[in-house]
Amino acid sequence: TRNTFLLPSRTQCNLADLLFNGRNSGDLRKNQRRLQPGKVSPPLSVPDHIPKPPYVKSRLSPAIARGPQIHDEQGMECMRASGRLAAQVLEYAGTLIKPGLTTDEIDKAVHQMIIDNGAYPSPLGYGGFPKSVCTSVNECICHGIPDSRQLKDGDIINIDVTVYLNGYHGDTSATFLCGDVNDEARKLVQVTRECLYKAISICAPGVEYSRIGKTINDHADKFKFGVVRQFVGHGVGRVFHADPVILHYRNNEHGRILFGQTFTIEPMLTMGSTKPVIWSDNWTAVTEDGSLSAQFEHTILITENGAEILTQS
């Protein structure tokens, strides 16, 4: 794999997946040009006094850390703080969205807000990633690198924010509408968001991880949207990516959710093909057929009563 965000599917495609793959793309992208890379500006600097995660000095992608991220009371409070800041940054970034804005300008705004709050933008320097946030437009499934491309009326854009605050990562993303977005794209965004919250609602100590994927897949199927398999949720806390790997599609993975655990759920749905194509930058993942993709993500903490959303403003 090219980076730890991308994992091979561990379950064979079933017949429903094969039938639905490429189901809704139709003419929705006929009059819209495929996404093209723009000019990427140099990485932004972070003041020396801000603590940086260990991977920053290496361009190698760290492996997913073994074992779940389990927290005591102090750790939970640290996770709440990092999650709260990530949510505030994402909310602010969303207010900037308008036609003519470049994704590089989003990166600069996100970067500045994060360092102004004494935190480090987790994506910056992770496995060589050159920017402080991921911006994934239209058919970009995830990990889009901010560049000189201007947003256009009718675009959809996922902004993925992760902050490293006091030694803990808070990770969240949402898909925003730019200008006058057509009804089909709006529906994709709405259903993707619903998939996330339905999955969160079933999380509690002792629940099988596999129920998360089934819940998401069941809801997506009602609207004939595809569920991307190659990108996953993950444990998050003192490390950016840890066990467990959270699959967003039906699966038979073993394991149960634990009290005090933190992880992300981040379903990615598509109108057409769910197969990603990775650009030569080794990060940007786009749908094979150019059909639209949307994503939403929260970091959650497992409590006695269920799941507490840490990245909700």
Protein backbone atom coordinates (compact mmCIF):
# COMPACT_ATOMS: atom_id res chain seq x y z
CA THR A 1 0.00 0.00 0.00
CA ARG A 2 1.12 3.55 -0.67
CA ASN A 3 0.15 4.95 2.71
CA THR A 4 -1.56 3.75 5.85
CA PHE A 5 -4.85 5.39 4.96
CA LEU A 6 -5.20 2.87 2.10
CA LEU A 7 -5.78 -0.74 3.02
CA PRO A 8 -6.60 -3.70 0.77
CA SER A 9 -10.12 -5.02 1.01
CA ARG A 10 -10.24 -8.03 3.31
CA THR A 11 -13.61 -9.25 2.09
CA GLN A 12 -14.54 -10.41 -1.40
CA CYS A 13 -17.04 -8.26 -3.32
CA ASN A 14 -20.48 -9.86 -3.17
CA LEU A 15 -23.07 -9.98 -5.93
CA ALA A 16 -24.87 -6.84 -4.73
CA ASP A 17 -21.64 -4.86 -4.93
CA LEU A 18 -21.01 -6.05 -8.47
CA LEU A 19 -24.53 -5.18 -9.55
CA PHE A 20 -24.46 -1.76 -7.94
CA ASN A 21 -20.93 -0.76 -9.00
CA GLY A 22 -21.27 2.07 -11.51
CA ARG A 23 -24.99 2.26 -10.86
CA ASN A 24 -25.75 5.96 -10.67
CA SER A 25 -22.97 7.72 -12.55
CA GLY A 26 -25.02 8.05 -15.74
CA ASP A 27 -24.86 11.53 -17.22
CA LEU A 28 -24.28 13.33 -13.91
CA ARG A 29 -20.66 14.12 -14.84
CA LYS A 30 -21.17 14.43 -18.58
CA ASN A 31 -20.84 18.20 -18.72
CA GLN A 32 -18.23 18.57 -15.99
CA ARG A 33 -14.53 18.17 -16.59
CA ARG A 34 -12.58 15.62 -14.61
CA LEU A 35 -10.60 16.92 -11.68
CA GLN A 36 -7.06 17.93 -12.60
CA PRO A 37 -4.14 18.67 -10.26
CA GLY A 38 -3.23 22.32 -9.74
CA LYS A 39 -0.04 23.92 -8.50
CA VAL A 40 0.95 22.95 -4.96
CA SER A 41 2.59 25.69 -2.93
CA PRO A 42 5.37 24.98 -0.38
CA PRO A 43 4.36 23.52 3.01
CA LEU A 44 3.56 26.06 5.71
CA SER A 45 5.78 26.37 8.77
CA VAL A 46 4.87 25.58 12.37
CA PRO A 47 6.40 27.56 15.27
CA ASP A 48 9.09 25.70 17.18
CA HIS A 49 7.24 25.93 20.50
CA ILE A 50 4.35 23.78 19.23
CA PRO A 51 4.88 20.07 20.00
CA LYS A 52 5.04 17.92 16.89
CA PRO A 53 4.10 14.25 16.48
CA PRO A 54 7.06 11.84 16.14
CA TYR A 55 6.47 11.06 12.45
CA VAL A 56 7.14 14.64 11.33
CA LYS A 57 10.88 14.12 11.03
CA SER A 58 10.44 11.12 8.75
CA ARG A 59 8.86 10.98 5.28
CA LEU A 60 8.00 7.33 5.83
CA SER A 61 4.38 6.43 6.56
CA PRO A 62 4.13 5.02 10.08
CA ALA A 63 2.51 1.62 10.35
CA ILE A 64 -0.88 1.39 12.04
CA ALA A 65 -0.12 1.05 15.75
CA ARG A 66 -1.03 -2.29 17.29
CA GLY A 67 -3.69 -2.33 19.97
CA PRO A 68 -6.67 -0.04 20.61
CA GLN A 69 -6.41 3.47 22.00
CA ILE A 70 -7.84 3.14 25.51
CA HIS A 71 -7.90 6.16 27.82
CA ASP A 72 -8.12 6.91 31.52
CA GLU A 73 -10.00 10.01 32.70
CA GLN A 74 -7.10 12.33 31.94
CA GLY A 75 -6.69 10.83 28.48
CA MET A 76 -10.41 11.23 27.81
CA GLU A 77 -10.24 14.90 28.68
CA CYS A 78 -7.25 15.35 26.36
CA MET A 79 -9.17 13.62 23.58
CA ARG A 80 -12.16 15.86 24.21
CA ALA A 81 -9.94 18.93 23.89
CA SER A 82 -8.33 17.82 20.62
CA GLY A 83 -11.69 16.74 19.22
CA ARG A 84 -13.30 20.05 20.18
CA LEU A 85 -10.58 22.04 18.44
CA ALA A 86 -10.78 19.87 15.31
CA ALA A 87 -14.54 20.45 15.18
CA GLN A 88 -14.13 24.20 15.54
CA VAL A 89 -11.51 24.31 12.78
CA LEU A 90 -13.69 22.25 10.43
CA GLU A 91 -16.71 24.43 11.11
CA TYR A 92 -14.66 27.54 10.34
CA ALA A 93 -13.28 26.02 7.14
CA GLY A 94 -16.81 25.26 5.99
CA THR A 95 -17.82 28.91 6.28
CA LEU A 96 -15.14 29.83 3.73
CA ILE A 97 -16.52 27.69 0.91
CA LYS A 98 -17.55 29.71 -2.15
CA PRO A 99 -16.87 29.67 -5.90
CA GLY A 100 -13.46 31.10 -6.73
CA LEU A 101 -11.80 30.06 -3.46
CA THR A 102 -8.75 27.85 -3.92
CA THR A 103 -8.14 24.78 -1.81
CA ASP A 104 -4.71 26.25 -1.04
CA GLU A 105 -6.48 29.17 0.63
CA ILE A 106 -8.44 26.69 2.73
CA ASP A 107 -5.17 25.07 3.77
CA LYS A 108 -3.70 28.40 4.85
CA ALA A 109 -6.77 29.32 6.88
CA VAL A 110 -6.92 25.90 8.58
CA HIS A 111 -3.19 25.92 9.28
CA GLN A 112 -3.31 29.37 10.88
CA MET A 113 -6.26 28.55 13.14
CA ILE A 114 -4.64 25.33 14.33
CA ILE A 115 -1.29 26.87 15.23
CA ASP A 116 -3.02 29.90 16.79
CA ASN A 117 -4.54 27.41 19.22
CA GLY A 118 -1.19 25.86 20.07
CA ALA A 119 -1.78 22.67 18.10
CA TYR A 120 -0.08 20.95 15.18
CA PRO A 121 -1.90 20.09 11.91
CA SER A 122 -1.54 16.29 11.94
CA PRO A 123 -1.48 15.69 8.14
CA LEU A 124 1.53 18.00 7.63
CA GLY A 125 4.56 15.78 7.13
CA TYR A 126 2.67 12.53 7.66
CA GLY A 127 4.36 10.14 5.24
CA GLY A 128 5.48 13.19 3.29
CA PHE A 129 2.02 14.74 2.93
CA PRO A 130 2.79 18.38 2.03
CA LYS A 131 -0.21 20.22 3.45
CA SER A 132 -2.06 20.83 6.73
CA VAL A 133 -5.48 19.58 5.63
CA CYS A 134 -6.99 17.27 3.01
CA THR A 135 -9.37 18.84 0.49
CA SER A 136 -11.20 16.36 -1.73
CA VAL A 137 -13.33 17.88 -4.51
CA ASN A 138 -16.09 16.14 -6.52
CA GLU A 139 -14.78 12.71 -7.63
CA CYS A 140 -11.88 12.82 -5.17
CA ILE A 141 -12.66 10.14 -2.59
CA CYS A 142 -10.10 11.31 -0.04
CA HIS A 143 -6.60 12.69 0.61
CA GLY A 144 -6.80 15.51 -1.93
CA ILE A 145 -3.80 17.84 -1.68
CA PRO A 146 -4.73 21.55 -1.48
CA ASP A 147 -3.56 23.42 -4.57
CA SER A 148 -4.29 26.34 -6.89
CA ARG A 149 -7.57 24.97 -8.28
CA GLN A 150 -10.49 27.31 -7.68
CA LEU A 151 -13.77 25.90 -6.43
CA LYS A 152 -16.58 26.13 -8.98
CA ASP A 153 -20.29 26.66 -8.58
CA GLY A 154 -21.86 23.23 -8.09
CA ASP A 155 -18.78 21.54 -6.61
CA ILE A 156 -18.84 19.43 -3.47
CA ILE A 157 -15.73 19.34 -1.27
CA ASN A 158 -14.69 17.22 1.67
CA ILE A 159 -12.42 18.93 4.19
CA ASP A 160 -10.56 16.54 6.49
CA VAL A 161 -9.09 18.16 9.61
CA THR A 162 -6.87 16.51 12.20
CA VAL A 163 -5.16 18.38 15.03
CA TYR A 164 -2.45 17.22 17.42
CA LEU A 165 -3.05 18.96 20.76
CA ASN A 166 -1.22 18.14 24.00
CA GLY A 167 -0.13 14.81 22.60
CA TYR A 168 -3.53 13.64 21.27
CA HIS A 169 -5.04 13.64 17.77
CA GLY A 170 -8.61 14.72 17.00
CA ASP A 171 -9.81 13.72 13.51
CA THR A 172 -12.94 14.83 11.64
CA SER A 173 -14.23 15.64 8.17
CA ALA A 174 -17.35 16.81 6.37
CA THR A 175 -18.48 17.36 2.80
CA PHE A 176 -19.63 20.89 1.96
CA LEU A 177 -21.67 22.29 -0.92
CA CYS A 178 -20.24 25.07 -3.07
CA GLY A 179 -22.87 27.33 -4.59
CA ASP A 180 -25.78 25.80 -6.50
CA VAL A 181 -25.33 22.04 -6.18
CA ASN A 182 -27.66 19.68 -8.08
CA ASP A 183 -30.18 17.50 -6.26
CA GLU A 184 -28.36 14.23 -6.96
CA ALA A 185 -25.14 15.49 -5.39
CA ARG A 186 -27.04 16.92 -2.43
CA LYS A 187 -28.66 13.54 -1.87
CA LEU A 188 -25.27 11.79 -1.93
CA VAL A 189 -23.95 14.19 0.70
CA GLN A 190 -27.06 13.84 2.87
CA VAL A 191 -27.06 10.02 2.77
CA THR A 192 -23.32 9.83 3.54
CA ARG A 193 -23.87 11.98 6.63
CA GLU A 194 -26.80 9.78 7.66
CA CYS A 195 -24.62 6.67 7.28
CA LEU A 196 -22.09 8.11 9.72
CA TYR A 197 -24.64 8.95 12.41
CA LYS A 198 -26.49 5.67 12.04
CA ALA A 199 -23.18 3.83 12.54
CA ILE A 200 -22.30 5.91 15.59
CA SER A 201 -25.71 5.22 17.13
CA ILE A 202 -25.07 1.46 17.40
CA CYS A 203 -21.62 1.80 19.03
CA ALA A 204 -21.27 0.74 22.67
CA PRO A 205 -19.04 -1.52 24.76
CA GLY A 206 -19.30 -5.12 23.58
CA VAL A 207 -20.79 -4.36 20.16
CA GLU A 208 -19.08 -6.15 17.26
CA TYR A 209 -17.08 -3.87 14.95
CA SER A 210 -18.67 -5.60 11.97
CA ARG A 211 -22.04 -4.04 12.83
CA ILE A 212 -20.63 -0.63 11.86
CA GLY A 213 -20.02 -1.70 8.28
CA LYS A 214 -23.36 -3.47 7.99
CA THR A 215 -25.23 -0.40 9.24
CA ILE A 216 -23.51 1.85 6.71
CA ASN A 217 -23.86 -0.57 3.81
CA ASP A 218 -27.55 -1.20 4.52
CA HIS A 219 -28.38 2.50 4.46
CA ALA A 220 -26.30 3.24 1.37
CA ASP A 221 -27.98 0.39 -0.50
CA LYS A 222 -31.41 1.93 0.04
CA PHE A 223 -30.32 4.81 -2.19
CA LYS A 224 -28.15 2.72 -4.52
CA PHE A 225 -24.93 4.48 -3.54
CA GLY A 226 -21.62 2.63 -3.48
CA VAL A 227 -19.48 2.20 -0.36
CA VAL A 228 -15.72 2.56 -0.85
CA ARG A 229 -13.85 -0.42 0.62
CA GLN A 230 -10.19 0.53 0.34
CA PHE A 231 -10.23 3.35 2.90
CA VAL A 232 -11.10 2.76 6.52
CA GLY A 233 -11.76 4.23 9.91
CA HIS A 234 -9.14 3.67 12.58
CA GLY A 235 -8.17 3.96 16.19
CA VAL A 236 -6.93 7.44 17.07
CA GLY A 237 -5.47 9.00 20.19
CA ARG A 238 -1.83 9.40 21.11
CA VAL A 239 -1.11 8.04 17.64
CA PHE A 240 -2.76 9.18 14.40
CA HIS A 241 -3.67 5.68 13.15
CA ALA A 242 -4.08 2.61 15.34
CA ASP A 243 -6.14 -0.54 15.67
CA PRO A 244 -8.93 -1.27 15.13
CA VAL A 245 -9.41 -0.99 11.39
CA ILE A 246 -13.04 0.10 10.93
CA LEU A 247 -14.55 -1.30 7.73
CA HIS A 248 -17.48 0.65 6.30
CA TYR A 249 -19.02 -2.23 4.34
CA ARG A 250 -20.53 -5.60 5.28
CA ASN A 251 -17.81 -7.82 6.68
CA ASN A 252 -17.09 -10.71 9.01
CA GLU A 253 -14.24 -9.13 10.95
CA HIS A 254 -13.96 -10.22 14.57
CA GLY A 255 -13.58 -8.04 17.61
CA ARG A 256 -15.77 -5.97 19.91
CA ILE A 257 -15.82 -2.32 20.91
CA LEU A 258 -14.17 -1.53 24.26
CA PHE A 259 -15.00 0.94 27.02
CA GLY A 260 -12.72 4.00 27.01
CA GLN A 261 -11.71 3.46 23.39
CA THR A 262 -11.44 6.16 20.72
CA PHE A 263 -11.65 5.58 16.98
CA THR A 264 -12.98 7.18 13.81
CA ILE A 265 -15.84 6.20 11.56
CA GLU A 266 -15.56 7.83 8.13
CA PRO A 267 -17.78 6.34 5.41
CA MET A 268 -17.10 7.31 1.78
CA LEU A 269 -19.99 6.87 -0.63
CA THR A 270 -20.04 7.22 -4.40
CA MET A 271 -22.62 7.69 -7.14
CA GLY A 272 -20.84 5.21 -9.39
CA SER A 273 -17.70 3.13 -9.24
CA THR A 274 -16.24 2.54 -5.79
CA LYS A 275 -12.81 1.71 -7.20
CA PRO A 276 -10.15 4.34 -6.41
CA VAL A 277 -7.41 5.49 -8.76
CA ILE A 278 -4.37 6.99 -7.01
CA TRP A 279 -2.71 9.96 -8.70
CA SER A 280 1.04 10.15 -9.20
CA ASP A 281 1.33 12.25 -6.03
CA ASN A 282 0.71 8.95 -4.16
CA TRP A 283 -2.12 10.53 -2.15
CA THR A 284 -5.05 11.81 -4.19
CA ALA A 285 -7.66 9.05 -4.63
CA VAL A 286 -10.37 9.61 -7.25
CA THR A 287 -13.23 7.41 -8.47
CA GLU A 288 -12.36 5.31 -11.48
CA ASP A 289 -15.28 6.63 -13.54
CA GLY A 290 -15.21 10.25 -12.35
CA SER A 291 -18.46 9.91 -10.41
CA LEU A 292 -18.98 12.03 -7.31
CA SER A 293 -17.89 10.89 -3.85
CA ALA A 294 -18.73 12.22 -0.38
CA GLN A 295 -17.34 11.54 3.09
CA PHE A 296 -18.12 12.39 6.71
CA GLU A 297 -16.02 11.52 9.75
CA HIS A 298 -16.11 11.80 13.52
CA THR A 299 -13.81 10.71 16.33
CA ILE A 300 -15.85 8.93 18.99
CA LEU A 301 -15.19 7.91 22.59
CA ILE A 302 -16.86 4.76 23.89
CA THR A 303 -18.58 5.36 27.22
CA GLU A 304 -20.74 3.16 29.44
CA ASN A 305 -23.83 4.48 27.67
CA GLY A 306 -22.66 4.35 24.07
CA ALA A 307 -20.60 6.66 21.89
CA GLU A 308 -19.67 10.24 22.70
CA ILE A 309 -18.90 12.27 19.59
CA LEU A 310 -15.71 14.19 20.36
CA THR A 311 -15.55 16.17 17.10
CA GLN A 312 -19.01 17.71 17.20
CA SER A 313 -19.17 21.49 17.55
